[in-house]
């Protein structure tokens, strides 16, 4: 497999995992605010929390593969591929912070 193919695939995996993590957190938050989802205080967080944790853990090897196979002759293109995943993760962690501390 060429470095370009590995970079393209790992970039899509990074994007997919970060969007998946964001959708899990934002979806659970919306359901909690509407009253359809009530996480047990002090209990198990449930399946969405475990899927979120798994997505975050899997981002590490995918991100490393993306960075290791990147064409560093064009660093702007490398950074451009990480903007949307980074924004999705900021939204996910900001929503988690809101639900844990502000609400």
C-alpha atoms as a PDB file:
ATOM      1  CA  UNK A   1       0.000   0.000   0.000  1.00  0.00           C
ATOM      2  CA  UNK A   2       1.434   3.370  -0.953  1.00  0.00           C
ATOM      3  CA  UNK A   3       1.851   6.214   1.515  1.00  0.00           C
ATOM      4  CA  UNK A   4      -0.694   8.288  -0.381  1.00  0.00           C
ATOM      5  CA  UNK A   5      -3.340   5.559  -0.100  1.00  0.00           C
ATOM      6  CA  UNK A   6      -2.595   5.044   3.594  1.00  0.00           C
ATOM      7  CA  UNK A   7      -2.839   8.791   4.167  1.00  0.00           C
ATOM      8  CA  UNK A   8      -6.177   9.032   2.388  1.00  0.00           C
ATOM      9  CA  UNK A   9      -7.665   6.066   4.270  1.00  0.00           C
ATOM     10  CA  UNK A  10      -6.358   7.129   7.671  1.00  0.00           C
ATOM     11  CA  UNK A  11      -7.595  10.683   7.080  1.00  0.00           C
ATOM     12  CA  UNK A  12     -11.087   9.360   6.419  1.00  0.00           C
ATOM     13  CA  UNK A  13     -10.900   7.163   9.519  1.00  0.00           C
ATOM     14  CA  UNK A  14      -9.840  10.153  11.646  1.00  0.00           C
ATOM     15  CA  UNK A  15     -12.710  12.205  10.247  1.00  0.00           C
ATOM     16  CA  UNK A  16     -15.231   9.402  10.739  1.00  0.00           C
ATOM     17  CA  UNK A  17     -14.180   8.658  14.313  1.00  0.00           C
ATOM     18  CA  UNK A  18     -14.190  12.308  15.355  1.00  0.00           C
ATOM     19  CA  UNK A  19     -17.617  12.925  13.812  1.00  0.00           C
ATOM     20  CA  UNK A  20     -18.911   9.721  15.421  1.00  0.00           C
ATOM     21  CA  UNK A  21     -17.634  10.857  18.836  1.00  0.00           C
ATOM     22  CA  UNK A  22     -19.220  14.279  18.379  1.00  0.00           C
ATOM     23  CA  UNK A  23     -22.567  12.839  17.297  1.00  0.00           C
ATOM     24  CA  UNK A  24     -22.633  10.484  20.279  1.00  0.00           C
ATOM     25  CA  UNK A  25     -22.053  13.272  22.782  1.00  0.00           C
ATOM     26  CA  UNK A  26     -24.295  15.850  21.131  1.00  0.00           C
ATOM     27  CA  UNK A  27     -27.047  13.279  20.572  1.00  0.00           C
ATOM     28  CA  UNK A  28     -26.971  12.096  24.184  1.00  0.00           C
ATOM     29  CA  UNK A  29     -26.978  15.716  25.361  1.00  0.00           C
ATOM     30  CA  UNK A  30     -29.988  16.616  23.244  1.00  0.00           C
ATOM     31  CA  UNK A  31     -31.844  13.531  24.458  1.00  0.00           C
ATOM     32  CA  UNK A  32     -30.957  14.367  28.075  1.00  0.00           C
ATOM     33  CA  UNK A  33     -32.147  17.959  27.702  1.00  0.00           C
ATOM     34  CA  UNK A  34     -35.406  16.832  26.079  1.00  0.00           C
ATOM     35  CA  UNK A  35     -35.925  14.273  28.832  1.00  0.00           C
ATOM     36  CA  UNK A  36     -35.645  11.086  26.773  1.00  0.00           C
ATOM     37  CA  UNK A  37     -32.286  10.025  28.230  1.00  0.00           C
ATOM     38  CA  UNK A  38     -31.497  10.063  31.932  1.00  0.00           C
ATOM     39  CA  UNK A  39     -28.001   8.836  32.755  1.00  0.00           C
ATOM     40  CA  UNK A  40     -27.836   7.288  36.214  1.00  0.00           C
ATOM     41  CA  UNK A  41     -25.847   9.514  38.577  1.00  0.00           C
ATOM     42  CA  UNK A  42     -22.879   7.603  39.951  1.00  0.00           C
ATOM     43  CA  UNK A  43     -23.777   4.537  37.902  1.00  0.00           C
ATOM     44  CA  UNK A  44     -22.719   3.132  34.595  1.00  0.00           C
ATOM     45  CA  UNK A  45     -22.593   5.788  31.898  1.00  0.00           C
ATOM     46  CA  UNK A  46     -24.098   3.489  29.320  1.00  0.00           C
ATOM     47  CA  UNK A  47     -23.284   2.403  25.824  1.00  0.00           C
ATOM     48  CA  UNK A  48     -22.881   5.909  24.288  1.00  0.00           C
ATOM     49  CA  UNK A  49     -20.148   6.780  26.783  1.00  0.00           C
ATOM     50  CA  UNK A  50     -18.264   3.570  26.102  1.00  0.00           C
ATOM     51  CA  UNK A  51     -18.537   4.047  22.341  1.00  0.00           C
ATOM     52  CA  UNK A  52     -17.247   7.615  22.756  1.00  0.00           C
ATOM     53  CA  UNK A  53     -14.263   6.376  24.752  1.00  0.00           C
ATOM     54  CA  UNK A  54     -13.542   3.722  22.146  1.00  0.00           C
ATOM     55  CA  UNK A  55     -13.694   6.287  19.332  1.00  0.00           C
ATOM     56  CA  UNK A  56     -11.260   8.569  21.172  1.00  0.00           C
ATOM     57  CA  UNK A  57      -8.824   5.712  21.809  1.00  0.00           C
ATOM     58  CA  UNK A  58      -8.977   4.602  18.164  1.00  0.00           C
ATOM     59  CA  UNK A  59      -8.213   8.156  17.035  1.00  0.00           C
ATOM     60  CA  UNK A  60      -4.640   7.813  18.295  1.00  0.00           C
ATOM     61  CA  UNK A  61      -3.400   5.089  15.908  1.00  0.00           C
ATOM     62  CA  UNK A  62      -5.430   6.525  13.031  1.00  0.00           C
ATOM     63  CA  UNK A  63      -4.011   9.997  13.666  1.00  0.00           C
ATOM     64  CA  UNK A  64      -0.480   8.642  13.887  1.00  0.00           C
ATOM     65  CA  UNK A  65      -0.939   6.772  10.610  1.00  0.00           C
ATOM     66  CA  UNK A  66      -2.244   9.974   9.007  1.00  0.00           C
ATOM     67  CA  UNK A  67       0.694  12.044  10.249  1.00  0.00           C
ATOM     68  CA  UNK A  68       3.323   9.406   9.443  1.00  0.00           C
ATOM     69  CA  UNK A  69       2.089   8.954   5.871  1.00  0.00           C
ATOM     70  CA  UNK A  70       1.545  12.656   5.199  1.00  0.00           C
ATOM     71  CA  UNK A  71       3.364  14.505   2.441  1.00  0.00           C
ATOM     72  CA  UNK A  72       5.258  17.045   4.522  1.00  0.00           C
ATOM     73  CA  UNK A  73       6.348  18.883   1.383  1.00  0.00           C
ATOM     74  CA  UNK A  74       2.810  20.330   1.506  1.00  0.00           C
ATOM     75  CA  UNK A  75       2.129  20.995   5.226  1.00  0.00           C
ATOM     76  CA  UNK A  76      -0.903  23.189   4.516  1.00  0.00           C
ATOM     77  CA  UNK A  77      -2.651  20.208   2.951  1.00  0.00           C
ATOM     78  CA  UNK A  78      -1.858  18.065   6.010  1.00  0.00           C
ATOM     79  CA  UNK A  79      -3.277  20.670   8.397  1.00  0.00           C
ATOM     80  CA  UNK A  80      -6.301  21.240   6.168  1.00  0.00           C
ATOM     81  CA  UNK A  81      -7.187  17.568   6.533  1.00  0.00           C
ATOM     82  CA  UNK A  82      -7.243  17.898  10.316  1.00  0.00           C
ATOM     83  CA  UNK A  83      -9.406  21.022  10.652  1.00  0.00           C
ATOM     84  CA  UNK A  84     -12.835  19.351  10.558  1.00  0.00           C
ATOM     85  CA  UNK A  85     -11.849  16.459  12.874  1.00  0.00           C
ATOM     86  CA  UNK A  86     -10.351  18.945  15.338  1.00  0.00           C
ATOM     87  CA  UNK A  87     -13.518  21.061  15.302  1.00  0.00           C
ATOM     88  CA  UNK A  88     -15.659  17.974  15.869  1.00  0.00           C
ATOM     89  CA  UNK A  89     -13.538  17.004  18.876  1.00  0.00           C
ATOM     90  CA  UNK A  90     -13.698  20.527  20.303  1.00  0.00           C
ATOM     91  CA  UNK A  91     -17.502  20.419  20.050  1.00  0.00           C
ATOM     92  CA  UNK A  92     -17.597  16.959  21.655  1.00  0.00           C
ATOM     93  CA  UNK A  93     -15.372  17.860  24.596  1.00  0.00           C
ATOM     94  CA  UNK A  94     -17.024  21.267  25.090  1.00  0.00           C
ATOM     95  CA  UNK A  95     -20.397  19.530  25.247  1.00  0.00           C
ATOM     96  CA  UNK A  96     -19.032  17.030  27.768  1.00  0.00           C
ATOM     97  CA  UNK A  97     -17.657  19.881  29.863  1.00  0.00           C
ATOM     98  CA  UNK A  98     -21.024  21.640  29.747  1.00  0.00           C
ATOM     99  CA  UNK A  99     -22.910  18.515  30.802  1.00  0.00           C
ATOM    100  CA  UNK A 100     -20.503  17.684  33.630  1.00  0.00           C
ATOM    101  CA  UNK A 101     -19.888  21.136  35.116  1.00  0.00           C
ATOM    102  CA  UNK A 102     -22.327  23.797  33.968  1.00  0.00           C
ATOM    103  CA  UNK A 103     -25.629  21.978  33.825  1.00  0.00           C
END
